[in-house]
N, C-alpha and C. Protein backbone atom coordinates (compact mmCIF):
# COMPACT_ATOMS: atom_id res chain seq x y z
N MET A 1 -38.54 0.03 -8.03
CA MET A 1 -38.55 1.22 -8.85
C MET A 1 -37.25 1.99 -8.65
N LEU A 2 -36.67 2.40 -9.71
CA LEU A 2 -35.41 3.14 -9.65
C LEU A 2 -35.66 4.63 -9.68
N ASN A 3 -34.85 5.36 -8.93
CA ASN A 3 -34.95 6.82 -8.89
C ASN A 3 -34.34 7.39 -10.17
N GLU A 4 -35.14 8.10 -10.92
CA GLU A 4 -34.69 8.64 -12.22
C GLU A 4 -33.54 9.62 -12.06
N ARG A 5 -33.57 10.40 -11.00
CA ARG A 5 -32.47 11.36 -10.77
C ARG A 5 -31.14 10.63 -10.57
N MET A 6 -31.18 9.56 -9.79
CA MET A 6 -29.96 8.79 -9.53
C MET A 6 -29.48 8.09 -10.81
N ILE A 7 -30.39 7.62 -11.62
CA ILE A 7 -30.00 7.02 -12.90
C ILE A 7 -29.30 8.06 -13.76
N GLY A 8 -29.86 9.28 -13.79
CA GLY A 8 -29.24 10.36 -14.56
C GLY A 8 -27.86 10.71 -14.05
N LEU A 9 -27.72 10.80 -12.72
CA LEU A 9 -26.41 11.11 -12.14
C LEU A 9 -25.39 10.00 -12.43
N GLY A 10 -25.86 8.76 -12.40
CA GLY A 10 -24.95 7.64 -12.63
C GLY A 10 -24.53 7.46 -14.07
N SER A 11 -25.29 8.00 -14.99
CA SER A 11 -24.95 7.82 -16.40
C SER A 11 -24.36 9.08 -17.04
N ALA A 12 -24.39 10.19 -16.33
CA ALA A 12 -23.84 11.44 -16.88
C ALA A 12 -22.31 11.46 -16.74
N PRO A 13 -21.62 12.07 -17.70
CA PRO A 13 -20.17 12.20 -17.59
C PRO A 13 -19.79 13.01 -16.34
N ASN A 14 -18.66 12.66 -15.73
CA ASN A 14 -18.17 13.44 -14.61
C ASN A 14 -16.65 13.37 -14.54
N ALA A 15 -16.06 14.18 -13.68
CA ALA A 15 -14.61 14.29 -13.59
C ALA A 15 -13.96 12.98 -13.17
N ILE A 16 -14.57 12.27 -12.24
CA ILE A 16 -13.97 11.03 -11.75
C ILE A 16 -13.88 10.00 -12.86
N ARG A 17 -14.96 9.83 -13.61
CA ARG A 17 -14.95 8.88 -14.71
C ARG A 17 -13.95 9.30 -15.79
N SER A 18 -13.87 10.61 -16.05
CA SER A 18 -12.93 11.12 -17.05
C SER A 18 -11.49 10.82 -16.65
N LEU A 19 -11.17 11.05 -15.37
CA LEU A 19 -9.81 10.78 -14.90
C LEU A 19 -9.50 9.29 -14.93
N PHE A 20 -10.47 8.46 -14.59
CA PHE A 20 -10.27 7.02 -14.64
C PHE A 20 -9.96 6.57 -16.07
N ALA A 21 -10.75 7.07 -17.03
CA ALA A 21 -10.53 6.73 -18.44
C ALA A 21 -9.16 7.23 -18.91
N TYR A 22 -8.78 8.41 -18.46
CA TYR A 22 -7.47 8.96 -18.82
C TYR A 22 -6.35 8.07 -18.28
N GLY A 23 -6.50 7.59 -17.05
CA GLY A 23 -5.50 6.70 -16.46
C GLY A 23 -5.34 5.42 -17.26
N ILE A 24 -6.44 4.84 -17.68
CA ILE A 24 -6.38 3.62 -18.50
C ILE A 24 -5.66 3.90 -19.82
N LYS A 25 -5.99 5.03 -20.42
CA LYS A 25 -5.34 5.41 -21.69
C LYS A 25 -3.83 5.61 -21.51
N ARG A 26 -3.45 6.29 -20.43
CA ARG A 26 -2.02 6.54 -20.19
C ARG A 26 -1.26 5.23 -19.90
N LYS A 27 -1.89 4.31 -19.20
CA LYS A 27 -1.25 3.01 -18.94
C LYS A 27 -0.93 2.32 -20.26
N ALA A 28 -1.86 2.40 -21.20
CA ALA A 28 -1.63 1.77 -22.51
C ALA A 28 -0.53 2.50 -23.28
N GLU A 29 -0.42 3.81 -23.09
CA GLU A 29 0.55 4.60 -23.83
C GLU A 29 1.98 4.48 -23.28
N ILE A 30 2.10 4.58 -21.95
CA ILE A 30 3.46 4.67 -21.37
C ILE A 30 3.82 3.49 -20.46
N GLY A 31 2.87 2.60 -20.21
CA GLY A 31 3.15 1.44 -19.37
C GLY A 31 2.49 1.54 -18.01
N GLU A 32 1.95 0.43 -17.58
CA GLU A 32 1.23 0.38 -16.30
C GLU A 32 2.11 0.74 -15.11
N ASP A 33 3.40 0.41 -15.20
CA ASP A 33 4.31 0.68 -14.09
C ASP A 33 4.63 2.17 -13.92
N LYS A 34 4.22 3.00 -14.87
CA LYS A 34 4.51 4.43 -14.80
C LYS A 34 3.29 5.28 -14.46
N VAL A 35 2.15 4.63 -14.21
CA VAL A 35 0.91 5.34 -13.88
C VAL A 35 0.45 4.84 -12.51
N PHE A 36 0.26 5.77 -11.58
CA PHE A 36 -0.14 5.41 -10.21
C PHE A 36 -1.62 5.69 -10.01
N ASP A 37 -2.33 4.73 -9.47
CA ASP A 37 -3.76 4.82 -9.21
C ASP A 37 -3.96 5.14 -7.73
N TYR A 38 -4.40 6.37 -7.44
CA TYR A 38 -4.63 6.79 -6.06
C TYR A 38 -6.11 6.79 -5.70
N SER A 39 -6.90 6.01 -6.40
CA SER A 39 -8.32 5.92 -6.07
C SER A 39 -8.49 5.04 -4.82
N ILE A 40 -9.71 4.88 -4.40
CA ILE A 40 -10.00 4.11 -3.19
C ILE A 40 -9.41 2.71 -3.29
N GLY A 41 -8.69 2.32 -2.25
CA GLY A 41 -8.07 0.99 -2.23
C GLY A 41 -6.70 0.94 -2.86
N ASN A 42 -6.23 2.03 -3.35
CA ASN A 42 -4.94 2.08 -4.02
C ASN A 42 -4.10 3.18 -3.37
N PRO A 43 -2.88 3.29 -3.57
CA PRO A 43 -2.04 2.60 -4.52
C PRO A 43 -1.60 1.25 -3.97
N SER A 44 -1.05 0.45 -4.83
CA SER A 44 -0.58 -0.87 -4.42
C SER A 44 0.92 -0.82 -4.15
N VAL A 45 1.32 0.19 -3.41
CA VAL A 45 2.71 0.33 -2.98
C VAL A 45 2.71 0.50 -1.46
N PRO A 46 3.79 0.13 -0.81
CA PRO A 46 3.83 0.25 0.64
C PRO A 46 3.73 1.71 1.09
N ALA A 47 3.14 1.89 2.28
CA ALA A 47 3.09 3.22 2.87
C ALA A 47 4.50 3.62 3.30
N PRO A 48 4.80 4.91 3.38
CA PRO A 48 6.11 5.34 3.89
C PRO A 48 6.34 4.81 5.30
N GLN A 49 7.58 4.57 5.64
CA GLN A 49 7.94 4.01 6.94
C GLN A 49 7.35 4.82 8.10
N GLN A 50 7.36 6.15 7.99
CA GLN A 50 6.82 7.00 9.06
C GLN A 50 5.34 6.73 9.28
N VAL A 51 4.59 6.49 8.21
CA VAL A 51 3.16 6.21 8.33
C VAL A 51 2.97 4.86 9.04
N THR A 52 3.73 3.87 8.63
CA THR A 52 3.63 2.55 9.26
C THR A 52 3.95 2.62 10.74
N GLU A 53 5.00 3.34 11.10
CA GLU A 53 5.38 3.48 12.51
C GLU A 53 4.30 4.19 13.31
N CYS A 54 3.71 5.23 12.75
CA CYS A 54 2.66 5.97 13.44
C CYS A 54 1.43 5.08 13.66
N ILE A 55 1.04 4.33 12.66
CA ILE A 55 -0.12 3.45 12.79
C ILE A 55 0.14 2.41 13.88
N LYS A 56 1.34 1.83 13.89
CA LYS A 56 1.68 0.84 14.92
C LYS A 56 1.63 1.46 16.31
N ARG A 57 2.15 2.70 16.43
CA ARG A 57 2.13 3.39 17.72
C ARG A 57 0.69 3.64 18.17
N LEU A 58 -0.15 4.08 17.26
CA LEU A 58 -1.55 4.35 17.61
C LEU A 58 -2.29 3.07 17.99
N MET A 59 -1.95 1.94 17.35
CA MET A 59 -2.60 0.68 17.68
C MET A 59 -2.26 0.22 19.09
N ASP A 60 -1.10 0.64 19.61
CA ASP A 60 -0.70 0.27 20.97
C ASP A 60 -1.34 1.16 22.03
N GLU A 61 -1.96 2.27 21.62
CA GLU A 61 -2.60 3.18 22.56
C GLU A 61 -3.88 2.58 23.12
N ASP A 62 -4.23 3.01 24.31
CA ASP A 62 -5.51 2.62 24.91
C ASP A 62 -6.62 3.28 24.09
N PRO A 63 -7.56 2.50 23.51
CA PRO A 63 -8.59 3.09 22.64
C PRO A 63 -9.43 4.15 23.35
N VAL A 64 -9.69 3.96 24.64
CA VAL A 64 -10.49 4.93 25.37
C VAL A 64 -9.72 6.25 25.50
N ALA A 65 -8.45 6.18 25.80
CA ALA A 65 -7.64 7.39 25.93
C ALA A 65 -7.42 8.04 24.57
N LEU A 66 -7.28 7.24 23.56
CA LEU A 66 -7.02 7.75 22.22
C LEU A 66 -8.21 8.53 21.67
N HIS A 67 -9.41 8.07 21.92
CA HIS A 67 -10.61 8.68 21.33
C HIS A 67 -11.39 9.56 22.29
N SER A 68 -10.83 9.86 23.45
CA SER A 68 -11.59 10.69 24.39
C SER A 68 -10.97 12.05 24.56
């Protein structure tokens, strides 16, 4: 049995769906290479060098010391 409230929430218009549709429309208008998708799992561009260096530094830390 499906929850009717959740069905309603899933089928109602919302800001996230509107922005997603707008992004698709803009890609068609101005080109996919000029529209950046910052949703979950994106963008498909490398992180800035400072971010990469910080992540590498944190990975070398002792996990117990890092999280305590």
